Amino acid sequence: QVQLVESGGGLVQAGGSLRLSCAASGLISSIVSMGWYRQVPGKQRELVAAISSGGRTNYADSVKGRFIISRDNAKNTVYLQMNSLKPEDTAVYYCHPEGLGYWGQGTQVTVSS
């Protein structure tokens, strides 16, 4: 059974940083593309960043230059380093293996102004 456990969220002031982690079990995350998504109440979940099995990355325009997605294949973990955080980054963040119907419980990120 696939399990995705996100962690690392919290409350931070604008301009601060957080690093999110997504630990995957029952799934070899290195062979699938992994994405970080975020959702705020009343809005659709949106893709923030993704990393392919080959390490190619892509980012939403709103986070380019501030967020970095990476993976540690030995730990079956995907990370999202978030820098220069803005209040509009406030959301619940989820990791998701692209093309598979699995989601974690999410981790709340709150950025105060």
Protein backbone atom coordinates (compact mmCIF):
# COMPACT_ATOMS: atom_id res chain seq x y z
CA GLN A 1 0.00 0.00 0.00
CA VAL A 2 1.30 3.41 -0.93
CA GLN A 3 1.66 5.96 1.84
CA LEU A 4 2.81 9.55 1.50
CA VAL A 5 3.64 11.48 4.65
CA GLU A 6 4.27 15.20 4.34
CA SER A 7 5.97 17.15 7.10
CA GLY A 8 7.81 20.39 7.73
CA GLY A 9 4.98 22.88 7.53
CA GLY A 10 4.38 25.57 10.10
CA LEU A 11 3.99 29.25 10.77
CA VAL A 12 6.66 31.57 9.42
CA GLN A 13 7.00 35.28 8.82
CA ALA A 14 7.12 36.70 5.33
CA GLY A 15 10.62 36.40 3.93
CA GLY A 16 11.33 33.27 5.91
CA SER A 17 12.02 29.72 4.79
CA LEU A 18 10.65 26.24 5.33
CA ARG A 19 11.61 22.85 4.01
CA LEU A 20 8.86 20.34 3.39
CA SER A 21 9.50 16.61 3.23
CA CYS A 22 7.45 13.84 1.67
CA ALA A 23 8.33 10.32 2.72
CA ALA A 24 6.96 7.67 0.39
CA SER A 25 6.43 4.04 1.28
CA GLY A 26 5.09 1.27 -0.90
CA LEU A 27 6.33 3.24 -3.87
CA ILE A 28 9.74 3.75 -5.37
CA SER A 29 9.59 7.49 -5.76
CA SER A 30 12.73 7.56 -7.91
CA ILE A 31 10.94 5.90 -10.83
CA VAL A 32 8.00 8.25 -10.99
CA SER A 33 7.64 11.98 -11.34
CA MET A 34 6.74 13.56 -8.03
CA GLY A 35 4.94 16.82 -7.56
CA TRP A 36 4.21 19.24 -4.77
CA TYR A 37 0.76 20.79 -4.88
CA ARG A 38 -0.97 23.31 -2.68
CA GLN A 39 -4.56 24.17 -1.93
CA VAL A 40 -6.37 26.96 -0.15
CA PRO A 41 -10.02 26.73 0.87
CA GLY A 42 -12.37 27.41 -2.01
CA LYS A 43 -9.71 27.03 -4.67
CA GLN A 44 -8.48 24.17 -6.80
CA ARG A 45 -5.34 22.33 -5.90
CA GLU A 46 -2.46 23.72 -7.95
CA LEU A 47 0.89 22.32 -8.98
CA VAL A 48 3.77 24.13 -7.32
CA ALA A 49 6.76 22.09 -8.46
CA ALA A 50 7.56 18.71 -9.97
CA ILE A 51 10.61 16.56 -10.44
CA SER A 52 10.87 13.80 -13.03
CA SER A 53 12.51 10.43 -12.55
CA GLY A 54 15.48 11.85 -14.43
CA GLY A 55 15.73 14.85 -12.14
CA ARG A 56 14.23 17.43 -14.46
CA THR A 57 12.30 20.07 -12.54
CA ASN A 58 9.56 22.53 -13.33
CA TYR A 59 7.91 25.20 -11.25
CA ALA A 60 4.82 27.34 -11.19
CA ASP A 61 5.63 30.89 -12.25
CA SER A 62 4.59 32.15 -8.82
CA VAL A 63 7.39 30.23 -7.07
CA LYS A 64 10.19 30.27 -9.64
CA GLY A 65 13.43 31.46 -8.11
CA ARG A 66 12.11 30.93 -4.56
CA PHE A 67 11.28 27.22 -4.27
CA ILE A 68 13.49 24.23 -5.00
CA ILE A 69 12.25 20.67 -5.38
CA SER A 70 14.69 17.82 -4.84
CA ARG A 71 14.70 14.12 -4.05
CA ASP A 72 16.78 11.68 -2.04
CA ASN A 73 16.29 8.35 -3.73
CA ALA A 74 18.06 6.45 -0.97
CA LYS A 75 15.50 7.76 1.51
CA ASN A 76 12.56 7.61 -0.91
CA THR A 77 11.87 11.20 0.03
CA VAL A 78 11.06 14.33 -1.92
CA TYR A 79 11.71 17.81 -0.56
CA LEU A 80 10.47 21.31 -1.22
CA GLN A 81 12.76 24.09 -0.04
CA MET A 82 10.71 27.25 0.20
CA ASN A 83 12.54 30.56 0.50
CA SER A 84 11.41 34.19 0.53
CA LEU A 85 7.97 33.07 1.57
CA LYS A 86 5.01 35.35 0.95
CA PRO A 87 1.58 35.46 2.62
CA GLU A 88 0.09 34.19 -0.64
CA ASP A 89 2.07 30.98 -0.22
CA THR A 90 -0.20 30.09 2.69
CA ALA A 91 -1.88 26.77 1.88
CA VAL A 92 -1.94 23.08 2.63
CA TYR A 93 0.87 21.43 0.70
CA TYR A 94 0.64 17.91 -0.66
CA CYS A 95 3.01 15.61 -2.48
CA HIS A 96 1.73 13.43 -5.27
CA PRO A 97 3.22 10.82 -7.58
CA GLU A 98 2.20 11.98 -11.03
CA GLY A 99 -0.26 9.72 -12.76
CA LEU A 100 -1.09 7.75 -9.63
CA GLY A 101 -4.12 8.27 -7.44
CA TYR A 102 -2.35 8.74 -4.13
CA TRP A 103 -2.23 11.79 -1.89
CA GLY A 104 -0.86 12.37 1.57
CA GLN A 105 -2.64 14.18 4.38
CA GLY A 106 -0.87 17.43 3.57
CA THR A 107 1.07 19.86 5.73
CA GLN A 108 -0.12 23.36 6.56
CA VAL A 109 2.09 26.31 5.67
CA THR A 110 1.09 29.68 7.05
CA VAL A 111 3.02 32.83 6.17
CA SER A 112 2.29 35.91 8.23
CA SER A 113 2.81 39.42 6.89
